[in-house]
Amino acid sequence: MSASRQWKHRPTLPTSVLATTWQVASLLLDYPDEVLLGRLVLVRSVIGQLPGQLRSPLVELVSHLESTPLPTLQADYVETFDNRRRCNLFLTYFAH
């Protein structure tokens, strides 16, 4: 099968925009700590350059991270990603 037939919907955004979006999303999915919170100014500046449909949910998440106490963010992260099979980010969770 050719590469053009593998996609039902071809991405219409430039590769650089998609790569930036995935990079920002990967940073924001990390365990919340002082390092992550220290990066939010930089992340917010990068997000500001993204198209609206990508920018809006990321700005909302960054705003939440900025306005929520760190212990609450950490507890929510553990509840969401560490304790639920459906949302677990660790690939080895399913193997062991």
PDB file of N, CA and C in Angstrom:
ATOM      1  N   MET A   1       0.837  -1.168   0.000  1.00  0.00           N
ATOM      2  CA  MET A   1       0.000   0.000   0.000  1.00  0.00           C
ATOM      3  C   MET A   1       0.890   1.242   0.000  1.00  0.00           C
ATOM      4  N   SER A   2       0.577   2.187  -0.823  1.00  0.00           N
ATOM      5  CA  SER A   2       1.381   3.399  -0.901  1.00  0.00           C
ATOM      6  C   SER A   2       1.150   4.281   0.322  1.00  0.00           C
ATOM      7  N   ALA A   3       2.117   5.140   0.584  1.00  0.00           N
ATOM      8  CA  ALA A   3       2.028   6.027   1.747  1.00  0.00           C
ATOM      9  C   ALA A   3       0.807   6.932   1.665  1.00  0.00           C
ATOM     10  N   SER A   4       0.440   7.337   0.470  1.00  0.00           N
ATOM     11  CA  SER A   4      -0.706   8.238   0.321  1.00  0.00           C
ATOM     12  C   SER A   4      -2.023   7.544   0.639  1.00  0.00           C
ATOM     13  N   ARG A   5      -2.078   6.241   0.561  1.00  0.00           N
ATOM     14  CA  ARG A   5      -3.311   5.521   0.865  1.00  0.00           C
ATOM     15  C   ARG A   5      -3.410   5.097   2.325  1.00  0.00           C
ATOM     16  N   GLN A   6      -2.347   5.217   3.081  1.00  0.00           N
ATOM     17  CA  GLN A   6      -2.377   4.829   4.478  1.00  0.00           C
ATOM     18  C   GLN A   6      -3.182   5.818   5.324  1.00  0.00           C
ATOM     19  N   TRP A   7      -3.256   7.040   4.926  1.00  0.00           N
ATOM     20  CA  TRP A   7      -3.976   8.064   5.676  1.00  0.00           C
ATOM     21  C   TRP A   7      -5.389   8.211   5.144  1.00  0.00           C
ATOM     22  N   LYS A   8      -6.356   8.135   6.016  1.00  0.00           N
ATOM     23  CA  LYS A   8      -7.723   8.445   5.606  1.00  0.00           C
ATOM     24  C   LYS A   8      -7.884   9.951   5.491  1.00  0.00           C
ATOM     25  N   HIS A   9      -7.213  10.654   6.394  1.00  0.00           N
ATOM     26  CA  HIS A   9      -7.241  12.110   6.385  1.00  0.00           C
ATOM     27  C   HIS A   9      -5.802  12.592   6.467  1.00  0.00           C
ATOM     28  N   ARG A  10      -5.331  13.208   5.434  1.00  0.00           N
ATOM     29  CA  ARG A  10      -3.952  13.688   5.419  1.00  0.00           C
ATOM     30  C   ARG A  10      -3.845  14.954   6.260  1.00  0.00           C
ATOM     31  N   PRO A  11      -2.799  15.053   7.061  1.00  0.00           N
ATOM     32  CA  PRO A  11      -2.596  16.275   7.849  1.00  0.00           C
ATOM     33  C   PRO A  11      -2.463  17.486   6.929  1.00  0.00           C
ATOM     34  N   THR A  12      -3.126  18.568   7.295  1.00  0.00           N
ATOM     35  CA  THR A  12      -3.066  19.781   6.480  1.00  0.00           C
ATOM     36  C   THR A  12      -2.129  20.819   7.082  1.00  0.00           C
ATOM     37  N   LEU A  13      -1.613  20.536   8.252  1.00  0.00           N
ATOM     38  CA  LEU A  13      -0.683  21.473   8.900  1.00  0.00           C
ATOM     39  C   LEU A  13       0.752  21.143   8.515  1.00  0.00           C
ATOM     40  N   PRO A  14       1.603  22.137   8.488  1.00  0.00           N
ATOM     41  CA  PRO A  14       3.013  21.883   8.179  1.00  0.00           C
ATOM     42  C   PRO A  14       3.636  20.942   9.222  1.00  0.00           C
ATOM     43  N   THR A  15       4.590  20.176   8.774  1.00  0.00           N
ATOM     44  CA  THR A  15       5.265  19.229   9.647  1.00  0.00           C
ATOM     45  C   THR A  15       5.874  19.926  10.858  1.00  0.00           C
ATOM     46  N   SER A  16       6.416  21.116  10.670  1.00  0.00           N
ATOM     47  CA  SER A  16       7.033  21.832  11.787  1.00  0.00           C
ATOM     48  C   SER A  16       6.002  22.189  12.862  1.00  0.00           C
ATOM     49  N   VAL A  17       4.798  22.540  12.454  1.00  0.00           N
ATOM     50  CA  VAL A  17       3.735  22.866  13.416  1.00  0.00           C
ATOM     51  C   VAL A  17       3.313  21.612  14.171  1.00  0.00           C
ATOM     52  N   LEU A  18       3.169  20.519  13.455  1.00  0.00           N
ATOM     53  CA  LEU A  18       2.807  19.253  14.106  1.00  0.00           C
ATOM     54  C   LEU A  18       3.896  18.805  15.078  1.00  0.00           C
ATOM     55  N   ALA A  19       5.148  18.920  14.672  1.00  0.00           N
ATOM     56  CA  ALA A  19       6.252  18.517  15.541  1.00  0.00           C
ATOM     57  C   ALA A  19       6.288  19.375  16.805  1.00  0.00           C
ATOM     58  N   THR A  20       6.088  20.663  16.665  1.00  0.00           N
ATOM     59  CA  THR A  20       6.060  21.559  17.824  1.00  0.00           C
ATOM     60  C   THR A  20       4.909  21.196  18.752  1.00  0.00           C
ATOM     61  N   THR A  21       3.764  20.926  18.181  1.00  0.00           N
ATOM     62  CA  THR A  21       2.589  20.567  18.990  1.00  0.00           C
ATOM     63  C   THR A  21       2.829  19.287  19.762  1.00  0.00           C
ATOM     64  N   TRP A  22       3.379  18.278  19.114  1.00  0.00           N
ATOM     65  CA  TRP A  22       3.659  17.007  19.792  1.00  0.00           C
ATOM     66  C   TRP A  22       4.716  17.189  20.872  1.00  0.00           C
ATOM     67  N   GLN A  23       5.705  18.020  20.616  1.00  0.00           N
ATOM     68  CA  GLN A  23       6.747  18.270  21.615  1.00  0.00           C
ATOM     69  C   GLN A  23       6.155  18.948  22.851  1.00  0.00           C
ATOM     70  N   VAL A  24       5.330  19.957  22.638  1.00  0.00           N
ATOM     71  CA  VAL A  24       4.685  20.649  23.758  1.00  0.00           C
ATOM     72  C   VAL A  24       3.793  19.671  24.528  1.00  0.00           C
ATOM     73  N   ALA A  25       3.011  18.889  23.815  1.00  0.00           N
ATOM     74  CA  ALA A  25       2.134  17.924  24.480  1.00  0.00           C
ATOM     75  C   ALA A  25       2.947  16.932  25.308  1.00  0.00           C
ATOM     76  N   SER A  26       4.082  16.493  24.787  1.00  0.00           N
ATOM     77  CA  SER A  26       4.898  15.535  25.536  1.00  0.00           C
ATOM     78  C   SER A  26       5.465  16.167  26.804  1.00  0.00           C
ATOM     79  N   LEU A  27       5.847  17.431  26.747  1.00  0.00           N
ATOM     80  CA  LEU A  27       6.327  18.120  27.945  1.00  0.00           C
ATOM     81  C   LEU A  27       5.217  18.259  28.986  1.00  0.00           C
ATOM     82  N   LEU A  28       4.024  18.590  28.518  1.00  0.00           N
ATOM     83  CA  LEU A  28       2.908  18.797  29.435  1.00  0.00           C
ATOM     84  C   LEU A  28       2.368  17.500  30.022  1.00  0.00           C
ATOM     85  N   LEU A  29       2.664  16.374  29.400  1.00  0.00           N
ATOM     86  CA  LEU A  29       2.242  15.082  29.949  1.00  0.00           C
ATOM     87  C   LEU A  29       3.204  14.539  30.998  1.00  0.00           C
ATOM     88  N   ASP A  30       4.315  15.218  31.214  1.00  0.00           N
ATOM     89  CA  ASP A  30       5.284  14.776  32.210  1.00  0.00           C
ATOM     90  C   ASP A  30       4.714  14.981  33.614  1.00  0.00           C
ATOM     91  N   TYR A  31       5.270  14.232  34.576  1.00  0.00           N
ATOM     92  CA  TYR A  31       4.850  14.377  35.965  1.00  0.00           C
ATOM     93  C   TYR A  31       5.068  15.814  36.410  1.00  0.00           C
ATOM     94  N   PRO A  32       4.068  16.433  36.993  1.00  0.00           N
ATOM     95  CA  PRO A  32       4.216  17.835  37.393  1.00  0.00           C
ATOM     96  C   PRO A  32       5.196  17.994  38.557  1.00  0.00           C
ATOM     97  N   ASP A  33       6.202  18.796  38.329  1.00  0.00           N
ATOM     98  CA  ASP A  33       7.185  19.115  39.353  1.00  0.00           C
ATOM     99  C   ASP A  33       7.679  20.537  39.106  1.00  0.00           C
ATOM    100  N   GLU A  34       8.638  20.965  39.911  1.00  0.00           N
ATOM    101  CA  GLU A  34       9.159  22.332  39.780  1.00  0.00           C
ATOM    102  C   GLU A  34       9.779  22.570  38.399  1.00  0.00           C
ATOM    103  N   VAL A  35      10.397  21.550  37.832  1.00  0.00           N
ATOM    104  CA  VAL A  35      11.010  21.686  36.504  1.00  0.00           C
ATOM    105  C   VAL A  35       9.943  21.982  35.458  1.00  0.00           C
ATOM    106  N   LEU A  36       8.860  21.220  35.480  1.00  0.00           N
ATOM    107  CA  LEU A  36       7.766  21.458  34.528  1.00  0.00           C
ATOM    108  C   LEU A  36       7.192  22.854  34.718  1.00  0.00           C
ATOM    109  N   LEU A  37       6.925  23.225  35.956  1.00  0.00           N
ATOM    110  CA  LEU A  37       6.358  24.550  36.210  1.00  0.00           C
ATOM    111  C   LEU A  37       7.315  25.653  35.761  1.00  0.00           C
ATOM    112  N   GLY A  38       8.604  25.415  35.883  1.00  0.00           N
ATOM    113  CA  GLY A  38       9.595  26.389  35.430  1.00  0.00           C
ATOM    114  C   GLY A  38       9.649  26.548  33.918  1.00  0.00           C
ATOM    115  N   ARG A  39       9.161  25.561  33.203  1.00  0.00           N
ATOM    116  CA  ARG A  39       9.167  25.605  31.732  1.00  0.00           C
ATOM    117  C   ARG A  39       7.909  26.243  31.146  1.00  0.00           C
ATOM    118  N   LEU A  40       6.924  26.532  31.983  1.00  0.00           N
ATOM    119  CA  LEU A  40       5.631  26.978  31.461  1.00  0.00           C
ATOM    120  C   LEU A  40       5.694  28.307  30.722  1.00  0.00           C
ATOM    121  N   VAL A  41       6.577  29.203  31.120  1.00  0.00           N
ATOM    122  CA  VAL A  41       6.714  30.475  30.400  1.00  0.00           C
ATOM    123  C   VAL A  41       7.186  30.206  28.973  1.00  0.00           C
ATOM    124  N   LEU A  42       8.181  29.352  28.824  1.00  0.00           N
ATOM    125  CA  LEU A  42       8.677  28.991  27.502  1.00  0.00           C
ATOM    126  C   LEU A  42       7.603  28.249  26.705  1.00  0.00           C
ATOM    127  N   VAL A  43       6.938  27.305  27.347  1.00  0.00           N
ATOM    128  CA  VAL A  43       5.876  26.538  26.678  1.00  0.00           C
ATOM    129  C   VAL A  43       4.779  27.480  26.207  1.00  0.00           C
ATOM    130  N   ARG A  44       4.379  28.415  27.056  1.00  0.00           N
ATOM    131  CA  ARG A  44       3.329  29.368  26.673  1.00  0.00           C
ATOM    132  C   ARG A  44       3.758  30.201  25.463  1.00  0.00           C
ATOM    133  N   SER A  45       5.018  30.598  25.391  1.00  0.00           N
ATOM    134  CA  SER A  45       5.481  31.399  24.248  1.00  0.00           C
ATOM    135  C   SER A  45       5.467  30.574  22.963  1.00  0.00           C
ATOM    136  N   VAL A  46       5.801  29.304  23.063  1.00  0.00           N
ATOM    137  CA  VAL A  46       5.763  28.428  21.881  1.00  0.00           C
ATOM    138  C   VAL A  46       4.315  28.181  21.454  1.00  0.00           C
ATOM    139  N   ILE A  47       3.450  27.943  22.419  1.00  0.00           N
ATOM    140  CA  ILE A  47       2.038  27.695  22.123  1.00  0.00           C
ATOM    141  C   ILE A  47       1.420  28.895  21.413  1.00  0.00           C
ATOM    142  N   GLY A  48       1.852  30.090  21.780  1.00  0.00           N
ATOM    143  CA  GLY A  48       1.313  31.302  21.165  1.00  0.00           C
ATOM    144  C   GLY A  48       1.530  31.377  19.664  1.00  0.00           C
ATOM    145  N   GLN A  49       2.452  30.590  19.142  1.00  0.00           N
ATOM    146  CA  GLN A  49       2.750  30.592  17.711  1.00  0.00           C
ATOM    147  C   GLN A  49       1.947  29.544  16.940  1.00  0.00           C
ATOM    148  N   LEU A  50       1.186  28.718  17.669  1.00  0.00           N
ATOM    149  CA  LEU A  50       0.429  27.641  17.015  1.00  0.00           C
ATOM    150  C   LEU A  50      -0.917  28.143  16.517  1.00  0.00           C
ATOM    151  N   PRO A  51      -1.488  27.471  15.519  1.00  0.00           N
ATOM    152  CA  PRO A  51      -2.831  27.823  15.053  1.00  0.00           C
ATOM    153  C   PRO A  51      -3.859  27.634  16.173  1.00  0.00           C
ATOM    154  N   GLY A  52      -4.938  28.374  16.107  1.00  0.00           N
ATOM    155  CA  GLY A  52      -5.958  28.397  17.147  1.00  0.00           C
ATOM    156  C   GLY A  52      -6.492  27.048  17.585  1.00  0.00           C
ATOM    157  N   GLN A  53      -6.766  26.154  16.639  1.00  0.00           N
ATOM    158  CA  GLN A  53      -7.348  24.864  17.005  1.00  0.00           C
ATOM    159  C   GLN A  53      -6.382  24.011  17.812  1.00  0.00           C
ATOM    160  N   LEU A  54      -5.095  24.236  17.678  1.00  0.00           N
ATOM    161  CA  LEU A  54      -4.092  23.533  18.473  1.00  0.00           C
ATOM    162  C   LEU A  54      -3.755  24.328  19.734  1.00  0.00           C
ATOM    163  N   ARG A  55      -3.751  25.626  19.625  1.00  0.00           N
ATOM    164  CA  ARG A  55      -3.351  26.498  20.723  1.00  0.00           C
ATOM    165  C   ARG A  55      -4.339  26.472  21.887  1.00  0.00           C
ATOM    166  N   SER A  56      -5.618  26.544  21.613  1.00  0.00           N
ATOM    167  CA  SER A  56      -6.634  26.715  22.663  1.00  0.00           C
ATOM    168  C   SER A  56      -6.573  25.673  23.775  1.00  0.00           C
ATOM    169  N   PRO A  57      -6.597  24.372  23.473  1.00  0.00           N
ATOM    170  CA  PRO A  57      -6.561  23.402  24.577  1.00  0.00           C
ATOM    171  C   PRO A  57      -5.227  23.411  25.330  1.00  0.00           C
ATOM    172  N   LEU A  58      -4.152  23.724  24.641  1.00  0.00           N
ATOM    173  CA  LEU A  58      -2.852  23.765  25.304  1.00  0.00           C
ATOM    174  C   LEU A  58      -2.745  24.971  26.234  1.00  0.00           C
ATOM    175  N   VAL A  59      -3.278  26.110  25.814  1.00  0.00           N
ATOM    176  CA  VAL A  59      -3.301  27.301  26.674  1.00  0.00           C
ATOM    177  C   VAL A  59      -4.146  27.016  27.914  1.00  0.00           C
ATOM    178  N   GLU A  60      -5.252  26.331  27.721  1.00  0.00           N
ATOM    179  CA  GLU A  60      -6.113  25.979  28.855  1.00  0.00           C
ATOM    180  C   GLU A  60      -5.364  25.096  29.854  1.00  0.00           C
ATOM    181  N   LEU A  61      -4.635  24.124  29.360  1.00  0.00           N
ATOM    182  CA  LEU A  61      -3.866  23.250  30.241  1.00  0.00           C
ATOM    183  C   LEU A  61      -2.756  24.012  30.960  1.00  0.00           C
ATOM    184  N   VAL A  62      -2.028  24.850  30.241  1.00  0.00           N
ATOM    185  CA  VAL A  62      -0.965  25.638  30.862  1.00  0.00           C
ATOM    186  C   VAL A  62      -1.552  26.561  31.935  1.00  0.00           C
ATOM    187  N   SER A  63      -2.678  27.168  31.660  1.00  0.00           N
ATOM    188  CA  SER A  63      -3.335  28.026  32.657  1.00  0.00           C
ATOM    189  C   SER A  63      -3.692  27.227  33.903  1.00  0.00           C
ATOM    190  N   HIS A  64      -4.189  26.011  33.704  1.00  0.00           N
ATOM    191  CA  HIS A  64      -4.517  25.136  34.835  1.00  0.00           C
ATOM    192  C   HIS A  64      -3.259  24.803  35.638  1.00  0.00           C
ATOM    193  N   LEU A  65      -2.180  24.473  34.941  1.00  0.00           N
ATOM    194  CA  LEU A  65      -0.929  24.145  35.624  1.00  0.00           C
ATOM    195  C   LEU A  65      -0.390  25.342  36.411  1.00  0.00           C
ATOM    196  N   GLU A  66      -0.548  26.523  35.863  1.00  0.00           N
ATOM    197  CA  GLU A  66      -0.052  27.735  36.528  1.00  0.00           C
ATOM    198  C   GLU A  66      -0.878  28.113  37.752  1.00  0.00           C
ATOM    199  N   SER A  67      -2.164  27.784  37.741  1.00  0.00           N
ATOM    200  CA  SER A  67      -3.056  28.255  38.804  1.00  0.00           C
ATOM    201  C   SER A  67      -3.375  27.210  39.870  1.00  0.00           C
ATOM    202  N   THR A  68      -2.881  26.003  39.717  1.00  0.00           N
ATOM    203  CA  THR A  68      -3.186  24.921  40.652  1.00  0.00           C
ATOM    204  C   THR A  68      -1.952  24.623  41.496  1.00  0.00           C
ATOM    205  N   PRO A  69      -2.147  24.450  42.803  1.00  0.00           N
ATOM    206  CA  PRO A  69      -0.988  24.122  43.664  1.00  0.00           C
ATOM    207  C   PRO A  69      -0.327  22.814  43.222  1.00  0.00           C
ATOM    208  N   LEU A  70       1.002  22.784  43.314  1.00  0.00           N
ATOM    209  CA  LEU A  70       1.770  21.626  42.861  1.00  0.00           C
ATOM    210  C   LEU A  70       1.313  20.314  43.504  1.00  0.00           C
ATOM    211  N   PRO A  71       1.064  20.251  44.807  1.00  0.00           N
ATOM    212  CA  PRO A  71       0.617  18.977  45.390  1.00  0.00           C
ATOM    213  C   PRO A  71      -0.715  18.479  44.784  1.00  0.00           C
ATOM    214  N   THR A  72      -1.581  19.401  44.446  1.00  0.00           N
ATOM    215  CA  THR A  72      -2.851  19.023  43.806  1.00  0.00           C
ATOM    216  C   THR A  72      -2.607  18.484  42.402  1.00  0.00           C
ATOM    217  N   LEU A  73      -1.733  19.147  41.649  1.00  0.00           N
ATOM    218  CA  LEU A  73      -1.385  18.671  40.309  1.00  0.00           C
ATOM    219  C   LEU A  73      -0.803  17.262  40.372  1.00  0.00           C
ATOM    220  N   GLN A  74       0.084  17.030  41.334  1.00  0.00           N
ATOM    221  CA  GLN A  74       0.720  15.727  41.470  1.00  0.00           C
ATOM    222  C   GLN A  74      -0.288  14.650  41.849  1.00  0.00           C
ATOM    223  N   ALA A  75      -1.179  14.960  42.765  1.00  0.00           N
ATOM    224  CA  ALA A  75      -2.204  13.987  43.166  1.00  0.00           C
ATOM    225  C   ALA A  75      -3.125  13.674  41.991  1.00  0.00           C
ATOM    226  N   ASP A  76      -3.527  14.683  41.244  1.00  0.00           N
ATOM    227  CA  ASP A  76      -4.390  14.469  40.072  1.00  0.00           C
ATOM    228  C   ASP A  76      -3.682  13.633  39.013  1.00  0.00           C
ATOM    229  N   TYR A  77      -2.393  13.887  38.816  1.00  0.00           N
ATOM    230  CA  TYR A  77      -1.618  13.132  37.835  1.00  0.00           C
ATOM    231  C   TYR A  77      -1.577  11.652  38.212  1.00  0.00           C
ATOM    232  N   VAL A  78      -1.268  11.385  39.468  1.00  0.00           N
ATOM    233  CA  VAL A  78      -1.194   9.994  39.931  1.00  0.00           C
ATOM    234  C   VAL A  78      -2.553   9.327  39.795  1.00  0.00           C
ATOM    235  N   GLU A  79      -3.598  10.033  40.179  1.00  0.00           N
ATOM    236  CA  GLU A  79      -4.947   9.466  40.076  1.00  0.00           C
ATOM    237  C   GLU A  79      -5.322   9.160  38.619  1.00  0.00           C
ATOM    238  N   THR A  80      -4.931  10.040  37.725  1.00  0.00           N
ATOM    239  CA  THR A  80      -5.294   9.863  36.314  1.00  0.00           C
ATOM    240  C   THR A  80      -4.438   8.824  35.605  1.00  0.00           C
ATOM    241  N   PHE A  81      -3.124   8.912  35.766  1.00  0.00           N
ATOM    242  CA  PHE A  81      -2.235   8.101  34.943  1.00  0.00           C
ATOM    243  C   PHE A  81      -1.644   6.871  35.631  1.00  0.00           C
ATOM    244  N   ASP A  82      -1.457   6.900  36.939  1.00  0.00           N
ATOM    245  CA  ASP A  82      -0.801   5.778  37.598  1.00  0.00           C
ATOM    246  C   ASP A  82      -1.771   4.716  38.111  1.00  0.00           C
ATOM    247  N   ASN A  83      -2.982   5.097  38.377  1.00  0.00           N
ATOM    248  CA  ASN A  83      -3.920   4.166  39.005  1.00  0.00           C
ATOM    249  C   ASN A  83      -4.986   3.622  38.066  1.00  0.00           C
ATOM    250  N   ARG A  84      -4.999   4.044  36.858  1.00  0.00           N
ATOM    251  CA  ARG A  84      -6.035   3.606  35.927  1.00  0.00           C
ATOM    252  C   ARG A  84      -5.400   2.895  34.736  1.00  0.00           C
ATOM    253  N   ARG A  85      -5.810   1.721  34.533  1.00  0.00           N
ATOM    254  CA  ARG A  85      -5.275   0.944  33.417  1.00  0.00           C
ATOM    255  C   ARG A  85      -5.510   1.651  32.084  1.00  0.00           C
ATOM    256  N   ARG A  86      -6.657   2.245  31.924  1.00  0.00           N
ATOM    257  CA  ARG A  86      -7.025   2.864  30.651  1.00  0.00           C
ATOM    258  C   ARG A  86      -6.118   4.042  30.272  1.00  0.00           C
ATOM    259  N   CYS A  87      -5.627   4.786  31.257  1.00  0.00           N
ATOM    260  CA  CYS A  87      -4.836   5.993  30.979  1.00  0.00           C
ATOM    261  C   CYS A  87      -3.375   5.849  31.359  1.00  0.00           C
ATOM    262  N   ASN A  88      -2.921   4.664  31.666  1.00  0.00           N
ATOM    263  CA  ASN A  88      -1.550   4.495  32.130  1.00  0.00           C
ATOM    264  C   ASN A  88      -0.560   4.800  31.014  1.00  0.00           C
ATOM    265  N   LEU A  89       0.423   5.634  31.318  1.00  0.00           N
ATOM    266  CA  LEU A  89       1.409   6.048  30.320  1.00  0.00           C
ATOM    267  C   LEU A  89       2.601   5.101  30.216  1.00  0.00           C
ATOM    268  N   PHE A  90       2.714   4.145  31.128  1.00  0.00           N
ATOM    269  CA  PHE A  90       3.863   3.263  31.146  1.00  0.00           C
ATOM    270  C   PHE A  90       3.575   2.013  30.318  1.00  0.00           C
ATOM    271  N   LEU A  91       4.324   1.822  29.255  1.00  0.00           N
ATOM    272  CA  LEU A  91       4.086   0.684  28.369  1.00  0.00           C
ATOM    273  C   LEU A  91       4.292  -0.645  29.083  1.00  0.00           C
ATOM    274  N   THR A  92       5.187  -0.683  30.058  1.00  0.00           N
ATOM    275  CA  THR A  92       5.448  -1.932  30.765  1.00  0.00           C
ATOM    276  C   THR A  92       4.302  -2.329  31.688  1.00  0.00           C
ATOM    277  N   TYR A  93       3.392  -1.410  31.981  1.00  0.00           N
ATOM    278  CA  TYR A  93       2.253  -1.713  32.841  1.00  0.00           C
ATOM    279  C   TYR A  93       1.476  -2.908  32.315  1.00  0.00           C
ATOM    280  N   PHE A  94       1.303  -2.984  31.026  1.00  0.00           N
ATOM    281  CA  PHE A  94       0.512  -4.051  30.422  1.00  0.00           C
ATOM    282  C   PHE A  94       1.289  -5.354  30.270  1.00  0.00           C
ATOM    283  N   ALA A  95       2.603  -5.275  30.310  1.00  0.00           N
ATOM    284  CA  ALA A  95       3.432  -6.477  30.151  1.00  0.00           C
ATOM    285  C   ALA A  95       3.718  -7.167  31.478  1.00  0.00           C
ATOM    286  N   HIS A  96       3.651  -6.429  32.568  1.00  0.00           N
ATOM    287  CA  HIS A  96       4.028  -7.000  33.874  1.00  0.00           C
ATOM    288  C   HIS A  96       2.916  -6.812  34.855  1.00  0.00           C
TER     289      HIS A  96
END
